[in-house]
PDB file of N, CA and C in Angstrom:
ATOM      1  N   MET A   1     102.858 174.558 129.707  1.00  0.00           N
ATOM      2  CA  MET A   1     101.925 173.260 129.471  1.00  0.00           C
ATOM      3  C   MET A   1     101.210 172.785 130.757  1.00  0.00           C
ATOM      4  N   THR A   2     100.240 172.037 130.072  1.00  0.00           N
ATOM      5  CA  THR A   2      98.904 171.574 131.328  1.00  0.00           C
ATOM      6  C   THR A   2      99.554 170.251 131.780  1.00  0.00           C
ATOM      7  N   THR A   3      98.601 169.843 132.486  1.00  0.00           N
ATOM      8  CA  THR A   3      99.230 168.211 133.538  1.00  0.00           C
ATOM      9  C   THR A   3      98.230 167.522 133.320  1.00  0.00           C
ATOM     10  N   PRO A   4      98.315 166.583 132.271  1.00  0.00           N
ATOM     11  CA  PRO A   4      97.259 165.543 132.114  1.00  0.00           C
ATOM     12  C   PRO A   4      97.585 164.276 133.289  1.00  0.00           C
ATOM     13  N   ALA A   5      96.661 163.678 133.551  1.00  0.00           N
ATOM     14  CA  ALA A   5      96.952 162.389 134.509  1.00  0.00           C
ATOM     15  C   ALA A   5      95.853 161.411 133.838  1.00  0.00           C
ATOM     16  N   VAL A   6      96.238 160.200 134.617  1.00  0.00           N
ATOM     17  CA  VAL A   6      95.208 159.236 134.081  1.00  0.00           C
ATOM     18  C   VAL A   6      95.288 158.037 135.702  1.00  0.00           C
ATOM     19  N   ALA A   7      94.139 157.918 135.958  1.00  0.00           N
ATOM     20  CA  ALA A   7      94.277 157.041 137.279  1.00  0.00           C
ATOM     21  C   ALA A   7      93.189 155.856 136.980  1.00  0.00           C
ATOM     22  N   ILE A   8      94.010 154.415 137.367  1.00  0.00           N
ATOM     23  CA  ILE A   8      93.505 153.367 136.628  1.00  0.00           C
ATOM     24  C   ILE A   8      93.524 152.157 138.006  1.00  0.00           C
ATOM     25  N   PHE A   9      92.114 152.003 138.343  1.00  0.00           N
ATOM     26  CA  PHE A   9      91.324 151.390 138.984  1.00  0.00           C
ATOM     27  C   PHE A   9      90.645 149.904 139.147  1.00  0.00           C
ATOM     28  N   VAL A  10      91.146 148.908 139.264  1.00  0.00           N
ATOM     29  CA  VAL A  10      90.723 147.447 138.995  1.00  0.00           C
ATOM     30  C   VAL A  10      90.066 147.065 140.297  1.00  0.00           C
ATOM     31  N   THR A  11      88.705 147.454 140.372  1.00  0.00           N
ATOM     32  CA  THR A  11      87.807 146.819 141.661  1.00  0.00           C
ATOM     33  C   THR A  11      87.810 145.425 142.273  1.00  0.00           C
ATOM     34  N   LYS A  12      87.824 145.170 143.248  1.00  0.00           N
ATOM     35  CA  LYS A  12      87.390 143.638 143.658  1.00  0.00           C
ATOM     36  C   LYS A  12      86.187 143.336 143.202  1.00  0.00           C
ATOM     37  N   PRO A  13      86.032 141.804 143.048  1.00  0.00           N
ATOM     38  CA  PRO A  13      84.709 141.415 142.098  1.00  0.00           C
ATOM     39  C   PRO A  13      83.663 142.168 143.194  1.00  0.00           C
ATOM     40  N   GLY A  14      82.604 142.607 142.734  1.00  0.00           N
ATOM     41  CA  GLY A  14      81.435 142.725 143.144  1.00  0.00           C
ATOM     42  C   GLY A  14      81.237 144.349 143.572  1.00  0.00           C
ATOM     43  N   ALA A  15      82.548 144.677 143.398  1.00  0.00           N
ATOM     44  CA  ALA A  15      82.055 146.154 144.337  1.00  0.00           C
ATOM     45  C   ALA A  15      81.934 147.084 142.898  1.00  0.00           C
ATOM     46  N   GLU A  16      81.959 147.011 141.794  1.00  0.00           N
ATOM     47  CA  GLU A  16      81.985 147.505 140.774  1.00  0.00           C
ATOM     48  C   GLU A  16      80.987 149.317 140.754  1.00  0.00           C
ATOM     49  N   ASP A  17      80.022 148.459 141.361  1.00  0.00           N
ATOM     50  CA  ASP A  17      78.652 149.589 141.624  1.00  0.00           C
ATOM     51  C   ASP A  17      78.833 150.371 142.724  1.00  0.00           C
ATOM     52  N   LYS A  18      79.613 150.268 143.613  1.00  0.00           N
ATOM     53  CA  LYS A  18      79.801 150.758 145.182  1.00  0.00           C
ATOM     54  C   LYS A  18      80.941 152.057 144.422  1.00  0.00           C
ATOM     55  N   LEU A  19      82.242 151.227 143.654  1.00  0.00           N
ATOM     56  CA  LEU A  19      82.898 151.959 143.269  1.00  0.00           C
ATOM     57  C   LEU A  19      82.873 153.138 142.281  1.00  0.00           C
ATOM     58  N   GLU A  20      81.570 152.909 141.452  1.00  0.00           N
ATOM     59  CA  GLU A  20      81.202 153.550 140.335  1.00  0.00           C
ATOM     60  C   GLU A  20      80.915 154.855 140.804  1.00  0.00           C
ATOM     61  N   ALA A  21      79.694 154.621 142.186  1.00  0.00           N
ATOM     62  CA  ALA A  21      78.825 155.571 142.956  1.00  0.00           C
ATOM     63  C   ALA A  21      80.078 156.576 143.572  1.00  0.00           C
ATOM     64  N   LEU A  22      81.116 155.660 144.046  1.00  0.00           N
ATOM     65  CA  LEU A  22      81.509 156.599 144.829  1.00  0.00           C
ATOM     66  C   LEU A  22      82.381 157.706 144.270  1.00  0.00           C
ATOM     67  N   PHE A  23      83.323 157.231 142.928  1.00  0.00           N
ATOM     68  CA  PHE A  23      83.590 158.038 141.795  1.00  0.00           C
ATOM     69  C   PHE A  23      82.651 159.167 141.018  1.00  0.00           C
ATOM     70  N   ARG A  24      81.600 158.716 141.130  1.00  0.00           N
ATOM     71  CA  ARG A  24      80.799 159.764 140.123  1.00  0.00           C
ATOM     72  C   ARG A  24      80.381 161.095 141.175  1.00  0.00           C
ATOM     73  N   SER A  25      80.312 160.792 142.319  1.00  0.00           N
ATOM     74  CA  SER A  25      79.734 161.353 143.855  1.00  0.00           C
ATOM     75  C   SER A  25      80.947 162.498 143.476  1.00  0.00           C
ATOM     76  N   VAL A  26      82.287 162.928 143.144  1.00  0.00           N
ATOM     77  CA  VAL A  26      82.782 163.793 143.168  1.00  0.00           C
ATOM     78  C   VAL A  26      83.038 164.597 141.724  1.00  0.00           C
ATOM     79  N   ILE A  27      82.212 164.231 141.053  1.00  0.00           N
ATOM     80  CA  ILE A  27      82.616 164.610 139.445  1.00  0.00           C
ATOM     81  C   ILE A  27      82.227 165.935 139.478  1.00  0.00           C
ATOM     82  N   ALA A  28      80.988 166.617 139.933  1.00  0.00           N
ATOM     83  CA  ALA A  28      80.505 167.960 139.881  1.00  0.00           C
ATOM     84  C   ALA A  28      81.605 168.879 140.498  1.00  0.00           C
ATOM     85  N   THR A  29      81.819 168.564 141.450  1.00  0.00           N
ATOM     86  CA  THR A  29      82.772 169.438 142.766  1.00  0.00           C
ATOM     87  C   THR A  29      83.886 169.478 142.247  1.00  0.00           C
ATOM     88  N   THR A  30      84.349 168.546 141.194  1.00  0.00           N
ATOM     89  CA  THR A  30      85.645 168.415 140.955  1.00  0.00           C
ATOM     90  C   THR A  30      85.731 169.475 139.380  1.00  0.00           C
ATOM     91  N   LEU A  31      84.737 169.117 138.771  1.00  0.00           N
ATOM     92  CA  LEU A  31      84.881 170.271 137.633  1.00  0.00           C
ATOM     93  C   LEU A  31      84.894 171.716 138.095  1.00  0.00           C
ATOM     94  N   THR A  32      84.388 172.406 139.106  1.00  0.00           N
ATOM     95  CA  THR A  32      84.087 173.294 139.910  1.00  0.00           C
ATOM     96  C   THR A  32      86.133 173.951 139.996  1.00  0.00           C
ATOM     97  N   GLU A  33      86.798 172.638 140.496  1.00  0.00           N
ATOM     98  CA  GLU A  33      88.084 173.228 141.142  1.00  0.00           C
ATOM     99  C   GLU A  33      88.903 174.183 140.460  1.00  0.00           C
ATOM    100  N   GLU A  34      89.787 174.863 140.595  1.00  0.00           N
ATOM    101  CA  GLU A  34      90.408 175.482 139.865  1.00  0.00           C
ATOM    102  C   GLU A  34      91.728 174.793 139.309  1.00  0.00           C
ATOM    103  N   GLY A  35      91.914 175.304 138.306  1.00  0.00           N
ATOM    104  CA  GLY A  35      92.699 174.385 136.984  1.00  0.00           C
ATOM    105  C   GLY A  35      92.537 173.402 136.394  1.00  0.00           C
ATOM    106  N   CYS A  36      91.076 172.482 136.424  1.00  0.00           N
ATOM    107  CA  CYS A  36      90.471 171.712 136.126  1.00  0.00           C
ATOM    108  C   CYS A  36      90.027 171.602 134.594  1.00  0.00           C
ATOM    109  N   ILE A  37      90.868 171.282 133.808  1.00  0.00           N
ATOM    110  CA  ILE A  37      90.513 171.420 132.263  1.00  0.00           C
ATOM    111  C   ILE A  37      89.562 170.584 132.100  1.00  0.00           C
ATOM    112  N   SER A  38      89.872 169.685 132.362  1.00  0.00           N
ATOM    113  CA  SER A  38      88.931 167.998 132.174  1.00  0.00           C
ATOM    114  C   SER A  38      88.535 167.010 132.905  1.00  0.00           C
ATOM    115  N   TYR A  39      88.032 166.363 133.068  1.00  0.00           N
ATOM    116  CA  TYR A  39      87.773 165.176 134.421  1.00  0.00           C
ATOM    117  C   TYR A  39      86.686 164.328 134.123  1.00  0.00           C
ATOM    118  N   GLN A  40      87.582 162.893 133.608  1.00  0.00           N
ATOM    119  CA  GLN A  40      86.572 161.817 133.044  1.00  0.00           C
ATOM    120  C   GLN A  40      86.342 160.717 133.358  1.00  0.00           C
ATOM    121  N   LEU A  41      85.412 159.879 133.583  1.00  0.00           N
ATOM    122  CA  LEU A  41      85.415 158.742 134.088  1.00  0.00           C
ATOM    123  C   LEU A  41      84.801 157.665 132.975  1.00  0.00           C
ATOM    124  N   ASN A  42      85.729 156.893 133.020  1.00  0.00           N
ATOM    125  CA  ASN A  42      85.142 155.882 131.791  1.00  0.00           C
ATOM    126  C   ASN A  42      85.435 154.397 132.416  1.00  0.00           C
ATOM    127  N   ARG A  43      84.930 153.454 131.656  1.00  0.00           N
ATOM    128  CA  ARG A  43      85.239 152.259 132.357  1.00  0.00           C
ATOM    129  C   ARG A  43      85.315 151.307 131.046  1.00  0.00           C
ATOM    130  N   ASP A  44      86.278 150.275 131.146  1.00  0.00           N
ATOM    131  CA  ASP A  44      87.291 149.698 130.270  1.00  0.00           C
ATOM    132  C   ASP A  44      86.042 148.560 129.833  1.00  0.00           C
ATOM    133  N   LEU A  45      85.975 148.639 128.230  1.00  0.00           N
ATOM    134  CA  LEU A  45      84.731 147.881 127.533  1.00  0.00           C
ATOM    135  C   LEU A  45      85.142 146.205 127.937  1.00  0.00           C
ATOM    136  N   ASP A  46      86.413 146.013 128.005  1.00  0.00           N
ATOM    137  CA  ASP A  46      86.550 144.767 127.902  1.00  0.00           C
ATOM    138  C   ASP A  46      86.813 144.048 129.230  1.00  0.00           C
ATOM    139  N   ASN A  47      87.109 144.795 130.209  1.00  0.00           N
ATOM    140  CA  ASN A  47      87.026 144.664 131.603  1.00  0.00           C
ATOM    141  C   ASN A  47      86.398 145.374 132.742  1.00  0.00           C
ATOM    142  N   PRO A  48      85.016 145.260 132.765  1.00  0.00           N
ATOM    143  CA  PRO A  48      84.306 145.791 133.435  1.00  0.00           C
ATOM    144  C   PRO A  48      84.540 146.221 135.107  1.00  0.00           C
ATOM    145  N   ARG A  49      85.684 145.569 135.459  1.00  0.00           N
ATOM    146  CA  ARG A  49      85.929 145.820 136.973  1.00  0.00           C
ATOM    147  C   ARG A  49      87.429 147.317 136.792  1.00  0.00           C
ATOM    148  N   ARG A  50      87.447 147.419 135.408  1.00  0.00           N
ATOM    149  CA  ARG A  50      88.427 148.537 135.356  1.00  0.00           C
ATOM    150  C   ARG A  50      88.189 149.885 134.990  1.00  0.00           C
ATOM    151  N   PHE A  51      88.396 150.763 136.042  1.00  0.00           N
ATOM    152  CA  PHE A  51      87.937 152.103 135.567  1.00  0.00           C
ATOM    153  C   PHE A  51      89.003 153.151 135.707  1.00  0.00           C
ATOM    154  N   VAL A  52      88.886 153.912 134.699  1.00  0.00           N
ATOM    155  CA  VAL A  52      89.976 155.005 134.409  1.00  0.00           C
ATOM    156  C   VAL A  52      89.479 156.292 134.123  1.00  0.00           C
ATOM    157  N   TRP A  53      90.267 157.130 134.775  1.00  0.00           N
ATOM    158  CA  TRP A  53      90.255 158.485 134.850  1.00  0.00           C
ATOM    159  C   TRP A  53      91.114 159.388 133.784  1.00  0.00           C
ATOM    160  N   THR A  54      90.537 159.941 133.360  1.00  0.00           N
ATOM    161  CA  THR A  54      91.513 160.634 132.323  1.00  0.00           C
ATOM    162  C   THR A  54      90.943 162.432 132.791  1.00  0.00           C
ATOM    163  N   GLU A  55      92.020 162.810 132.953  1.00  0.00           N
ATOM    164  CA  GLU A  55      91.999 164.240 133.505  1.00  0.00           C
ATOM    165  C   GLU A  55      93.426 164.830 132.810  1.00  0.00           C
ATOM    166  N   GLU A  56      92.700 166.885 132.852  1.00  0.00           N
ATOM    167  CA  GLU A  56      93.443 167.346 132.724  1.00  0.00           C
ATOM    168  C   GLU A  56      93.804 169.068 133.624  1.00  0.00           C
ATOM    169  N   TRP A  57      94.435 169.075 133.989  1.00  0.00           N
ATOM    170  CA  TRP A  57      94.773 170.144 134.990  1.00  0.00           C
ATOM    171  C   TRP A  57      95.735 171.732 134.417  1.00  0.00           C
ATOM    172  N   GLU A  58      95.404 172.674 134.900  1.00  0.00           N
ATOM    173  CA  GLU A  58      96.421 173.736 134.140  1.00  0.00           C
ATOM    174  C   GLU A  58      98.074 173.661 135.126  1.00  0.00           C
ATOM    175  N   SER A  59      98.044 173.087 135.787  1.00  0.00           N
ATOM    176  CA  SER A  59      99.315 172.431 136.503  1.00  0.00           C
ATOM    177  C   SER A  59      99.655 171.421 137.171  1.00  0.00           C
ATOM    178  N   ARG A  60     100.802 171.007 137.647  1.00  0.00           N
ATOM    179  CA  ARG A  60     101.297 170.131 138.611  1.00  0.00           C
ATOM    180  C   ARG A  60     100.574 170.334 139.720  1.00  0.00           C
ATOM    181  N   ALA A  61     100.618 171.925 140.300  1.00  0.00           N
ATOM    182  CA  ALA A  61     100.352 172.328 141.757  1.00  0.00           C
ATOM    183  C   ALA A  61      99.201 172.389 141.723  1.00  0.00           C
ATOM    184  N   LEU A  62      97.958 172.555 140.495  1.00  0.00           N
ATOM    185  CA  LEU A  62      96.779 172.411 140.658  1.00  0.00           C
ATOM    186  C   LEU A  62      96.431 171.064 140.885  1.00  0.00           C
ATOM    187  N   LEU A  63      97.124 169.930 139.961  1.00  0.00           N
ATOM    188  CA  LEU A  63      96.548 168.751 139.914  1.00  0.00           C
ATOM    189  C   LEU A  63      97.072 167.863 141.561  1.00  0.00           C
ATOM    190  N   GLU A  64      97.997 168.572 141.880  1.00  0.00           N
ATOM    191  CA  GLU A  64      98.499 168.296 143.600  1.00  0.00           C
ATOM    192  C   GLU A  64      97.193 168.712 144.611  1.00  0.00           C
ATOM    193  N   LYS A  65      96.999 170.202 144.299  1.00  0.00           N
ATOM    194  CA  LYS A  65      95.858 170.680 145.379  1.00  0.00           C
ATOM    195  C   LYS A  65      94.512 169.862 144.971  1.00  0.00           C
ATOM    196  N   HIS A  66      94.267 169.019 143.976  1.00  0.00           N
ATOM    197  CA  HIS A  66      92.843 168.564 143.953  1.00  0.00           C
ATOM    198  C   HIS A  66      93.391 166.834 144.910  1.00  0.00           C
ATOM    199  N   ALA A  67      94.202 166.643 144.451  1.00  0.00           N
ATOM    200  CA  ALA A  67      94.682 165.230 145.534  1.00  0.00           C
ATOM    201  C   ALA A  67      94.347 165.421 147.043  1.00  0.00           C
ATOM    202  N   ALA A  68      94.620 166.832 147.197  1.00  0.00           N
ATOM    203  CA  ALA A  68      94.445 166.959 149.098  1.00  0.00           C
ATOM    204  C   ALA A  68      93.234 167.808 149.135  1.00  0.00           C
ATOM    205  N   ALA A  69      92.628 167.816 147.947  1.00  0.00           N
ATOM    206  CA  ALA A  69      91.213 168.099 148.330  1.00  0.00           C
ATOM    207  C   ALA A  69      90.008 167.103 149.366  1.00  0.00           C
ATOM    208  N   PRO A  70      89.082 168.360 150.036  1.00  0.00           N
ATOM    209  CA  PRO A  70      88.375 167.261 151.162  1.00  0.00           C
ATOM    210  C   PRO A  70      87.741 166.353 150.446  1.00  0.00           C
ATOM    211  N   HIS A  71      87.167 166.366 149.330  1.00  0.00           N
ATOM    212  CA  HIS A  71      86.000 165.560 148.437  1.00  0.00           C
ATOM    213  C   HIS A  71      86.996 164.257 148.333  1.00  0.00           C
ATOM    214  N   ILE A  72      88.234 164.674 147.853  1.00  0.00           N
ATOM    215  CA  ILE A  72      89.055 163.504 147.095  1.00  0.00           C
ATOM    216  C   ILE A  72      89.766 162.956 148.289  1.00  0.00           C
ATOM    217  N   LYS A  73      89.923 163.474 149.120  1.00  0.00           N
ATOM    218  CA  LYS A  73      90.758 162.958 150.615  1.00  0.00           C
ATOM    219  C   LYS A  73      89.328 161.865 151.116  1.00  0.00           C
ATOM    220  N   ALA A  74      88.352 162.102 151.141  1.00  0.00           N
ATOM    221  CA  ALA A  74      87.255 161.377 151.571  1.00  0.00           C
ATOM    222  C   ALA A  74      87.259 160.435 150.661  1.00  0.00           C
ATOM    223  N   ILE A  75      86.878 160.248 149.371  1.00  0.00           N
ATOM    224  CA  ILE A  75      86.730 158.990 148.672  1.00  0.00           C
ATOM    225  C   ILE A  75      88.263 158.134 148.965  1.00  0.00           C
ATOM    226  N   LEU A  76      89.563 158.926 148.912  1.00  0.00           N
ATOM    227  CA  LEU A  76      90.200 157.859 148.918  1.00  0.00           C
ATOM    228  C   LEU A  76      90.289 157.394 150.240  1.00  0.00           C
ATOM    229  N   ALA A  77      90.020 157.535 151.117  1.00  0.00           N
ATOM    230  CA  ALA A  77      89.614 156.719 152.898  1.00  0.00           C
ATOM    231  C   ALA A  77      89.015 155.353 152.124  1.00  0.00           C
ATOM    232  N   GLU A  78      87.931 155.607 151.263  1.00  0.00           N
ATOM    233  CA  GLU A  78      86.962 154.231 151.193  1.00  0.00           C
ATOM    234  C   GLU A  78      87.762 153.126 150.155  1.00  0.00           C
ATOM    235  N   ILE A  79      88.130 154.202 149.079  1.00  0.00           N
ATOM    236  CA  ILE A  79      88.824 152.899 147.735  1.00  0.00           C
ATOM    237  C   ILE A  79      89.535 151.703 148.260  1.00  0.00           C
ATOM    238  N   PRO A  80      90.457 151.572 149.053  1.00  0.00           N
ATOM    239  CA  PRO A  80      91.332 150.334 149.405  1.00  0.00           C
ATOM    240  C   PRO A  80      90.337 149.261 149.677  1.00  0.00           C
ATOM    241  N   ALA A  81      89.452 149.527 150.243  1.00  0.00           N
ATOM    242  CA  ALA A  81      88.581 148.361 150.400  1.00  0.00           C
ATOM    243  C   ALA A  81      87.892 147.582 149.615  1.00  0.00           C
ATOM    244  N   LEU A  82      87.768 148.493 148.469  1.00  0.00           N
ATOM    245  CA  LEU A  82      86.798 148.446 146.901  1.00  0.00           C
ATOM    246  C   LEU A  82      87.655 147.771 146.118  1.00  0.00           C
ATOM    247  N   VAL A  83      89.501 147.703 145.933  1.00  0.00           N
ATOM    248  CA  VAL A  83      89.837 147.831 144.668  1.00  0.00           C
ATOM    249  C   VAL A  83      91.236 146.655 145.133  1.00  0.00           C
ATOM    250  N   ASP A  84      91.158 146.030 144.074  1.00  0.00           N
ATOM    251  CA  ASP A  84      92.602 145.328 144.119  1.00  0.00           C
ATOM    252  C   ASP A  84      93.852 145.886 143.560  1.00  0.00           C
ATOM    253  N   SER A  85      93.618 146.908 142.681  1.00  0.00           N
ATOM    254  CA  SER A  85      94.995 147.989 142.401  1.00  0.00           C
ATOM    255  C   SER A  85      94.370 149.168 141.831  1.00  0.00           C
ATOM    256  N   ALA A  86      95.356 150.280 142.268  1.00  0.00           N
ATOM    257  CA  ALA A  86      94.977 151.558 141.542  1.00  0.00           C
ATOM    258  C   ALA A  86      96.685 152.146 141.174  1.00  0.00           C
ATOM    259  N   GLU A  87      96.599 153.122 140.514  1.00  0.00           N
ATOM    260  CA  GLU A  87      97.849 153.517 140.131  1.00  0.00           C
ATOM    261  C   GLU A  87      97.240 154.963 139.434  1.00  0.00           C
ATOM    262  N   VAL A  88      97.722 155.878 139.664  1.00  0.00           N
ATOM    263  CA  VAL A  88      97.980 157.367 139.470  1.00  0.00           C
ATOM    264  C   VAL A  88      99.135 157.746 138.402  1.00  0.00           C
ATOM    265  N   ILE A  89      98.774 158.417 137.482  1.00  0.00           N
ATOM    266  CA  ILE A  89      99.819 158.535 136.702  1.00  0.00           C
ATOM    267  C   ILE A  89      99.843 160.199 136.000  1.00  0.00           C
ATOM    268  N   ALA A  90     100.764 161.043 136.545  1.00  0.00           N
ATOM    269  CA  ALA A  90     100.784 162.518 136.240  1.00  0.00           C
ATOM    270  C   ALA A  90     101.565 162.237 134.682  1.00  0.00           C
ATOM    271  N   LEU A  91     101.044 162.972 133.683  1.00  0.00           N
ATOM    272  CA  LEU A  91     101.737 162.932 132.548  1.00  0.00           C
ATOM    273  C   LEU A  91     102.334 164.500 132.195  1.00  0.00           C
ATOM    274  N   ARG A  92     103.385 164.340 131.269  1.00  0.00           N
ATOM    275  CA  ARG A  92     104.242 165.474 130.474  1.00  0.00           C
ATOM    276  C   ARG A  92     103.396 165.534 128.919  1.00  0.00           C
ATOM    277  N   LYS A  93     102.346 166.351 129.117  1.00  0.00           N
ATOM    278  CA  LYS A  93     101.699 166.839 127.696  1.00  0.00           C
ATOM    279  C   LYS A  93     102.680 167.221 126.396  1.00  0.00           C
ATOM    280  N   LEU A  94     102.701 166.387 125.353  1.00  0.00           N
ATOM    281  CA  LEU A  94     103.309 166.710 124.370  1.00  0.00           C
ATOM    282  C   LEU A  94     102.980 167.170 123.240  1.00  0.00           C
ATOM    283  N   ASP A  95     101.828 166.887 122.491  1.00  0.00           N
ATOM    284  CA  ASP A  95     100.707 167.776 121.502  1.00  0.00           C
ATOM    285  C   ASP A  95      99.406 167.426 122.038  1.00  0.00           C
ATOM    286  N   GLY A  96      98.489 167.723 121.073  1.00  0.00           N
ATOM    287  CA  GLY A  96      97.364 167.503 120.876  1.00  0.00           C
ATOM    288  C   GLY A  96      96.510 168.254 121.751  1.00  0.00           C
ATOM    289  N   GLY A  97      95.076 167.440 121.418  1.00  0.00           N
ATOM    290  CA  GLY A  97      94.551 168.494 122.308  1.00  0.00           C
ATOM    291  C   GLY A  97      93.983 168.028 123.783  1.00  0.00           C
ATOM    292  N   PRO A  98      92.838 168.390 124.441  1.00  0.00           N
ATOM    293  CA  PRO A  98      92.770 167.945 125.929  1.00  0.00           C
ATOM    294  C   PRO A  98      93.012 166.747 125.924  1.00  0.00           C
ATOM    295  N   ALA A  99      92.791 165.944 127.420  1.00  0.00           N
ATOM    296  CA  ALA A  99      93.012 164.778 127.727  1.00  0.00           C
ATOM    297  C   ALA A  99      91.681 164.206 127.811  1.00  0.00           C
TER     298      ALA A  99
END
């Protein structure tokens, strides 16, 4: 089974544009990574400070490899200054299509 993941970030007030640009900067590279099935950045319609990644990877090992990739490590160093909260949740797929 594949490994879906959800990552939820709530920005500090006024940091929305900077965080969005930071997140957008890794999409193209991530989509070419081994094991990446889907990688989508979303923004909450009711809370524009909340960004939600929906992802799916061929395996948990490849998800973990992604988390350690240089382009991800680089943005992870900048994220704490921009967010009030962050949560990354690896999931076990039960049924249905791609995440």
